[in-house]
Amino acid sequence: MPHRNVWACIYTYNRATANQLSRKYGETEILRVLQSYPAKSQHHGHRSGGRGDGENSAATTNRAAAVAYINAHARPLAAVEAKRETKQGGGGRNARQRNQAQNDRLLELIRTVNHLGNLQTQLDAAEPGWRSIRVVKQAYEAKKMSRQVRFPK
């Protein structure tokens, strides 16, 4: 918990600096960095004393050192977000576009082929898992139903 105390002292005594650090790195990243801060057990705030006593000069120096440590070791939010996006497969837009193109190709195949048996074979050849694609399966079922209505057995 000393790392939280360091951050609380920075936030209390250097509010503008703390706000600037929060916008740049985010509090989670700051607390992560402060966990490895070697001087986290040193004094960073006021010592209890008489009313109106001045701030301890060592605490000011320690807070400045902590801020310098944060600036040296923390990753900016943009880098953290980029890393998170790559972990989640950052190319989501390209994957969606590929899937959309594949779906469009299969839907066009459904629109152009008239014989249902031949259609099923062609869909299996184009994409073996076409039945798991909801839009394609719905289009196939609609075509099948319309053929059955027009040409009853």
C-alpha atoms as a PDB file:
ATOM      1  CA  MET A   1       0.000   0.000   0.000  1.00  0.00           C
ATOM      2  CA  PRO A   2       2.911   2.461   0.230  1.00  0.00           C
ATOM      3  CA  HIS A   3       2.652   2.979  -3.528  1.00  0.00           C
ATOM      4  CA  ARG A   4      -0.927   4.211  -3.031  1.00  0.00           C
ATOM      5  CA  ASN A   5       0.283   6.595  -0.309  1.00  0.00           C
ATOM      6  CA  VAL A   6       2.900   8.022  -2.678  1.00  0.00           C
ATOM      7  CA  TRP A   7       0.228   8.632  -5.313  1.00  0.00           C
ATOM      8  CA  ALA A   8      -2.133  10.142  -2.707  1.00  0.00           C
ATOM      9  CA  CYS A   9       0.591  12.565  -1.571  1.00  0.00           C
ATOM     10  CA  ILE A  10       1.394  13.566  -5.146  1.00  0.00           C
ATOM     11  CA  TYR A  11      -2.310  14.086  -5.779  1.00  0.00           C
ATOM     12  CA  THR A  12      -2.803  16.079  -2.570  1.00  0.00           C
ATOM     13  CA  TYR A  13       0.263  18.323  -2.709  1.00  0.00           C
ATOM     14  CA  ASN A  14       0.821  18.566  -6.460  1.00  0.00           C
ATOM     15  CA  ARG A  15      -2.716  18.425  -7.871  1.00  0.00           C
ATOM     16  CA  ALA A  16      -1.855  19.967 -11.257  1.00  0.00           C
ATOM     17  CA  THR A  17       1.005  17.524 -11.770  1.00  0.00           C
ATOM     18  CA  ALA A  18      -1.180  14.605 -10.685  1.00  0.00           C
ATOM     19  CA  ASN A  19      -3.930  15.597 -13.126  1.00  0.00           C
ATOM     20  CA  GLN A  20      -1.382  15.896 -15.907  1.00  0.00           C
ATOM     21  CA  LEU A  21       0.060  12.454 -15.089  1.00  0.00           C
ATOM     22  CA  SER A  22      -3.433  10.929 -14.928  1.00  0.00           C
ATOM     23  CA  ARG A  23      -4.317  12.237 -18.371  1.00  0.00           C
ATOM     24  CA  LYS A  24      -1.020  11.063 -19.834  1.00  0.00           C
ATOM     25  CA  TYR A  25      -0.700   7.610 -18.234  1.00  0.00           C
ATOM     26  CA  GLY A  26      -3.922   6.734 -16.391  1.00  0.00           C
ATOM     27  CA  GLU A  27      -4.076   5.914 -12.680  1.00  0.00           C
ATOM     28  CA  THR A  28      -3.842   2.148 -13.153  1.00  0.00           C
ATOM     29  CA  GLU A  29      -0.543   2.507 -15.016  1.00  0.00           C
ATOM     30  CA  ILE A  30       0.752   5.013 -12.443  1.00  0.00           C
ATOM     31  CA  LEU A  31      -0.018   2.670  -9.541  1.00  0.00           C
ATOM     32  CA  ARG A  32       1.587  -0.229 -11.440  1.00  0.00           C
ATOM     33  CA  VAL A  33       4.785   1.801 -11.881  1.00  0.00           C
ATOM     34  CA  LEU A  34       4.789   3.027  -8.271  1.00  0.00           C
ATOM     35  CA  GLN A  35       4.694  -0.576  -7.023  1.00  0.00           C
ATOM     36  CA  SER A  36       8.261  -0.946  -8.284  1.00  0.00           C
ATOM     37  CA  TYR A  37       9.332   2.528  -7.087  1.00  0.00           C
ATOM     38  CA  PRO A  38      12.303   1.895  -4.754  1.00  0.00           C
ATOM     39  CA  ALA A  39      11.690   4.911  -2.483  1.00  0.00           C
ATOM     40  CA  LYS A  40       7.979   4.283  -1.906  1.00  0.00           C
ATOM     41  CA  SER A  41       8.496   3.824   1.844  1.00  0.00           C
ATOM     42  CA  GLN A  42      10.092   7.271   2.238  1.00  0.00           C
ATOM     43  CA  HIS A  43       8.111  10.263   3.447  1.00  0.00           C
ATOM     44  CA  HIS A  44       6.194  12.098   0.697  1.00  0.00           C
ATOM     45  CA  GLY A  45       3.797  14.332   2.656  1.00  0.00           C
ATOM     46  CA  HIS A  46       3.548  16.557   5.744  1.00  0.00           C
ATOM     47  CA  ARG A  47       4.968  15.435   9.026  1.00  0.00           C
ATOM     48  CA  SER A  48       2.640  16.001  11.903  1.00  0.00           C
ATOM     49  CA  GLY A  49       3.687  19.103  13.745  1.00  0.00           C
ATOM     50  CA  GLY A  50       2.397  22.380  15.043  1.00  0.00           C
ATOM     51  CA  ARG A  51      -0.367  24.231  13.315  1.00  0.00           C
ATOM     52  CA  GLY A  52       0.948  26.300  10.420  1.00  0.00           C
ATOM     53  CA  ASP A  53       4.258  24.441  10.254  1.00  0.00           C
ATOM     54  CA  GLY A  54       5.772  24.436   6.798  1.00  0.00           C
ATOM     55  CA  GLU A  55       6.044  21.440   4.560  1.00  0.00           C
ATOM     56  CA  ASN A  56       8.974  19.113   5.029  1.00  0.00           C
ATOM     57  CA  SER A  57      11.541  19.865   2.300  1.00  0.00           C
ATOM     58  CA  ALA A  58      12.520  16.189   2.057  1.00  0.00           C
ATOM     59  CA  ALA A  59       8.912  15.330   1.179  1.00  0.00           C
ATOM     60  CA  THR A  60       8.955  17.841  -1.677  1.00  0.00           C
ATOM     61  CA  THR A  61      12.153  16.301  -3.024  1.00  0.00           C
ATOM     62  CA  ASN A  62      10.747  12.782  -2.643  1.00  0.00           C
ATOM     63  CA  ARG A  63       7.563  13.696  -4.533  1.00  0.00           C
ATOM     64  CA  ALA A  64       9.588  15.270  -7.332  1.00  0.00           C
ATOM     65  CA  ALA A  65      11.661  12.072  -7.537  1.00  0.00           C
ATOM     66  CA  ALA A  66       8.482   9.969  -7.632  1.00  0.00           C
ATOM     67  CA  VAL A  67       7.064  12.089 -10.475  1.00  0.00           C
ATOM     68  CA  ALA A  68      10.349  11.724 -12.372  1.00  0.00           C
ATOM     69  CA  TYR A  69      10.216   7.940 -11.808  1.00  0.00           C
ATOM     70  CA  ILE A  70       6.655   7.793 -13.143  1.00  0.00           C
ATOM     71  CA  ASN A  71       7.616   9.809 -16.229  1.00  0.00           C
ATOM     72  CA  ALA A  72      10.603   7.539 -16.855  1.00  0.00           C
ATOM     73  CA  HIS A  73       8.860   4.177 -16.413  1.00  0.00           C
ATOM     74  CA  ALA A  74       5.157   4.567 -17.273  1.00  0.00           C
ATOM     75  CA  ARG A  75       3.741   3.803 -20.702  1.00  0.00           C
ATOM     76  CA  PRO A  76       1.496   6.520 -22.144  1.00  0.00           C
ATOM     77  CA  LEU A  77      -2.191   5.660 -22.504  1.00  0.00           C
ATOM     78  CA  ALA A  78      -1.908   5.571 -26.304  1.00  0.00           C
ATOM     79  CA  ALA A  79       0.742   2.821 -26.074  1.00  0.00           C
ATOM     80  CA  VAL A  80      -1.339   0.881 -23.557  1.00  0.00           C
ATOM     81  CA  GLU A  81      -4.428   1.155 -25.794  1.00  0.00           C
ATOM     82  CA  ALA A  82      -2.447   0.082 -28.862  1.00  0.00           C
ATOM     83  CA  LYS A  83      -1.096  -2.945 -27.007  1.00  0.00           C
ATOM     84  CA  ARG A  84      -4.600  -3.840 -25.797  1.00  0.00           C
ATOM     85  CA  GLU A  85      -5.933  -3.516 -29.346  1.00  0.00           C
ATOM     86  CA  THR A  86      -3.254  -5.832 -30.745  1.00  0.00           C
ATOM     87  CA  LYS A  87      -4.019  -8.372 -28.016  1.00  0.00           C
ATOM     88  CA  GLN A  88      -7.663  -8.257 -29.021  1.00  0.00           C
ATOM     89  CA  GLY A  89      -6.761  -8.774 -32.648  1.00  0.00           C
ATOM     90  CA  GLY A  90      -6.450  -5.124 -33.712  1.00  0.00           C
ATOM     91  CA  GLY A  91      -7.323  -6.015 -37.314  1.00  0.00           C
ATOM     92  CA  GLY A  92     -11.000  -6.308 -36.458  1.00  0.00           C
ATOM     93  CA  ARG A  93     -12.036  -3.969 -39.244  1.00  0.00           C
ATOM     94  CA  ASN A  94     -10.148  -6.007 -41.874  1.00  0.00           C
ATOM     95  CA  ALA A  95     -11.619  -9.255 -40.550  1.00  0.00           C
ATOM     96  CA  ARG A  96     -15.132  -7.795 -40.718  1.00  0.00           C
ATOM     97  CA  GLN A  97     -14.515  -6.614 -44.273  1.00  0.00           C
ATOM     98  CA  ARG A  98     -13.236 -10.075 -45.267  1.00  0.00           C
ATOM     99  CA  ASN A  99     -16.268 -11.717 -43.666  1.00  0.00           C
ATOM    100  CA  GLN A 100     -18.607  -9.263 -45.380  1.00  0.00           C
ATOM    101  CA  ALA A 101     -16.981  -9.950 -48.761  1.00  0.00           C
ATOM    102  CA  GLN A 102     -17.278 -13.695 -48.182  1.00  0.00           C
ATOM    103  CA  ASN A 103     -20.937 -13.350 -47.161  1.00  0.00           C
ATOM    104  CA  ASP A 104     -21.660 -11.217 -50.231  1.00  0.00           C
ATOM    105  CA  ARG A 105     -20.042 -13.839 -52.462  1.00  0.00           C
ATOM    106  CA  LEU A 106     -22.133 -16.624 -50.913  1.00  0.00           C
ATOM    107  CA  LEU A 107     -25.337 -14.565 -51.112  1.00  0.00           C
ATOM    108  CA  GLU A 108     -24.665 -13.838 -54.783  1.00  0.00           C
ATOM    109  CA  LEU A 109     -24.216 -17.569 -55.355  1.00  0.00           C
ATOM    110  CA  ILE A 110     -27.594 -18.216 -53.710  1.00  0.00           C
ATOM    111  CA  ARG A 111     -29.258 -15.582 -55.919  1.00  0.00           C
ATOM    112  CA  THR A 112     -27.817 -16.912 -59.192  1.00  0.00           C
ATOM    113  CA  VAL A 113     -28.096 -20.715 -58.841  1.00  0.00           C
ATOM    114  CA  ASN A 114     -31.582 -22.137 -59.422  1.00  0.00           C
ATOM    115  CA  HIS A 115     -31.225 -25.863 -58.677  1.00  0.00           C
ATOM    116  CA  LEU A 116     -31.235 -26.457 -54.895  1.00  0.00           C
ATOM    117  CA  GLY A 117     -29.093 -29.633 -54.965  1.00  0.00           C
ATOM    118  CA  ASN A 118     -26.507 -27.919 -57.115  1.00  0.00           C
ATOM    119  CA  LEU A 119     -26.692 -24.833 -54.894  1.00  0.00           C
ATOM    120  CA  GLN A 120     -25.935 -26.818 -51.755  1.00  0.00           C
ATOM    121  CA  THR A 121     -22.926 -28.460 -53.428  1.00  0.00           C
ATOM    122  CA  GLN A 122     -21.599 -25.121 -54.645  1.00  0.00           C
ATOM    123  CA  LEU A 123     -22.038 -23.524 -51.216  1.00  0.00           C
ATOM    124  CA  ASP A 124     -20.179 -26.437 -49.588  1.00  0.00           C
ATOM    125  CA  ALA A 125     -17.359 -26.042 -52.119  1.00  0.00           C
ATOM    126  CA  ALA A 126     -17.151 -22.271 -51.600  1.00  0.00           C
ATOM    127  CA  GLU A 127     -17.355 -22.334 -47.799  1.00  0.00           C
ATOM    128  CA  PRO A 128     -17.675 -25.624 -45.873  1.00  0.00           C
ATOM    129  CA  GLY A 129     -19.050 -23.853 -42.773  1.00  0.00           C
ATOM    130  CA  TRP A 130     -21.679 -21.783 -44.590  1.00  0.00           C
ATOM    131  CA  ARG A 131     -24.479 -23.171 -42.414  1.00  0.00           C
ATOM    132  CA  SER A 132     -22.988 -21.421 -39.370  1.00  0.00           C
ATOM    133  CA  ILE A 133     -23.192 -18.017 -41.100  1.00  0.00           C
ATOM    134  CA  ARG A 134     -26.637 -16.778 -40.106  1.00  0.00           C
ATOM    135  CA  VAL A 135     -27.263 -14.434 -43.040  1.00  0.00           C
ATOM    136  CA  VAL A 136     -26.261 -17.041 -45.609  1.00  0.00           C
ATOM    137  CA  LYS A 137     -28.301 -19.806 -43.993  1.00  0.00           C
ATOM    138  CA  GLN A 138     -31.367 -17.531 -43.839  1.00  0.00           C
ATOM    139  CA  ALA A 139     -30.997 -16.658 -47.522  1.00  0.00           C
ATOM    140  CA  TYR A 140     -30.644 -20.344 -48.409  1.00  0.00           C
ATOM    141  CA  GLU A 141     -33.724 -21.284 -46.354  1.00  0.00           C
ATOM    142  CA  ALA A 142     -35.734 -18.458 -47.952  1.00  0.00           C
ATOM    143  CA  LYS A 143     -34.724 -19.633 -51.431  1.00  0.00           C
ATOM    144  CA  LYS A 144     -35.576 -23.229 -50.519  1.00  0.00           C
ATOM    145  CA  MET A 145     -39.020 -22.196 -49.216  1.00  0.00           C
ATOM    146  CA  SER A 146     -39.773 -20.068 -52.281  1.00  0.00           C
ATOM    147  CA  ARG A 147     -38.820 -22.970 -54.585  1.00  0.00           C
ATOM    148  CA  GLN A 148     -41.056 -25.331 -52.607  1.00  0.00           C
ATOM    149  CA  VAL A 149     -43.969 -22.907 -52.843  1.00  0.00           C
ATOM    150  CA  ARG A 150     -43.520 -22.430 -56.601  1.00  0.00           C
ATOM    151  CA  PHE A 151     -42.850 -26.100 -57.353  1.00  0.00           C
ATOM    152  CA  PRO A 152     -44.637 -28.276 -54.789  1.00  0.00           C
ATOM    153  CA  LYS A 153     -43.847 -31.993 -54.782  1.00  0.00           C
END
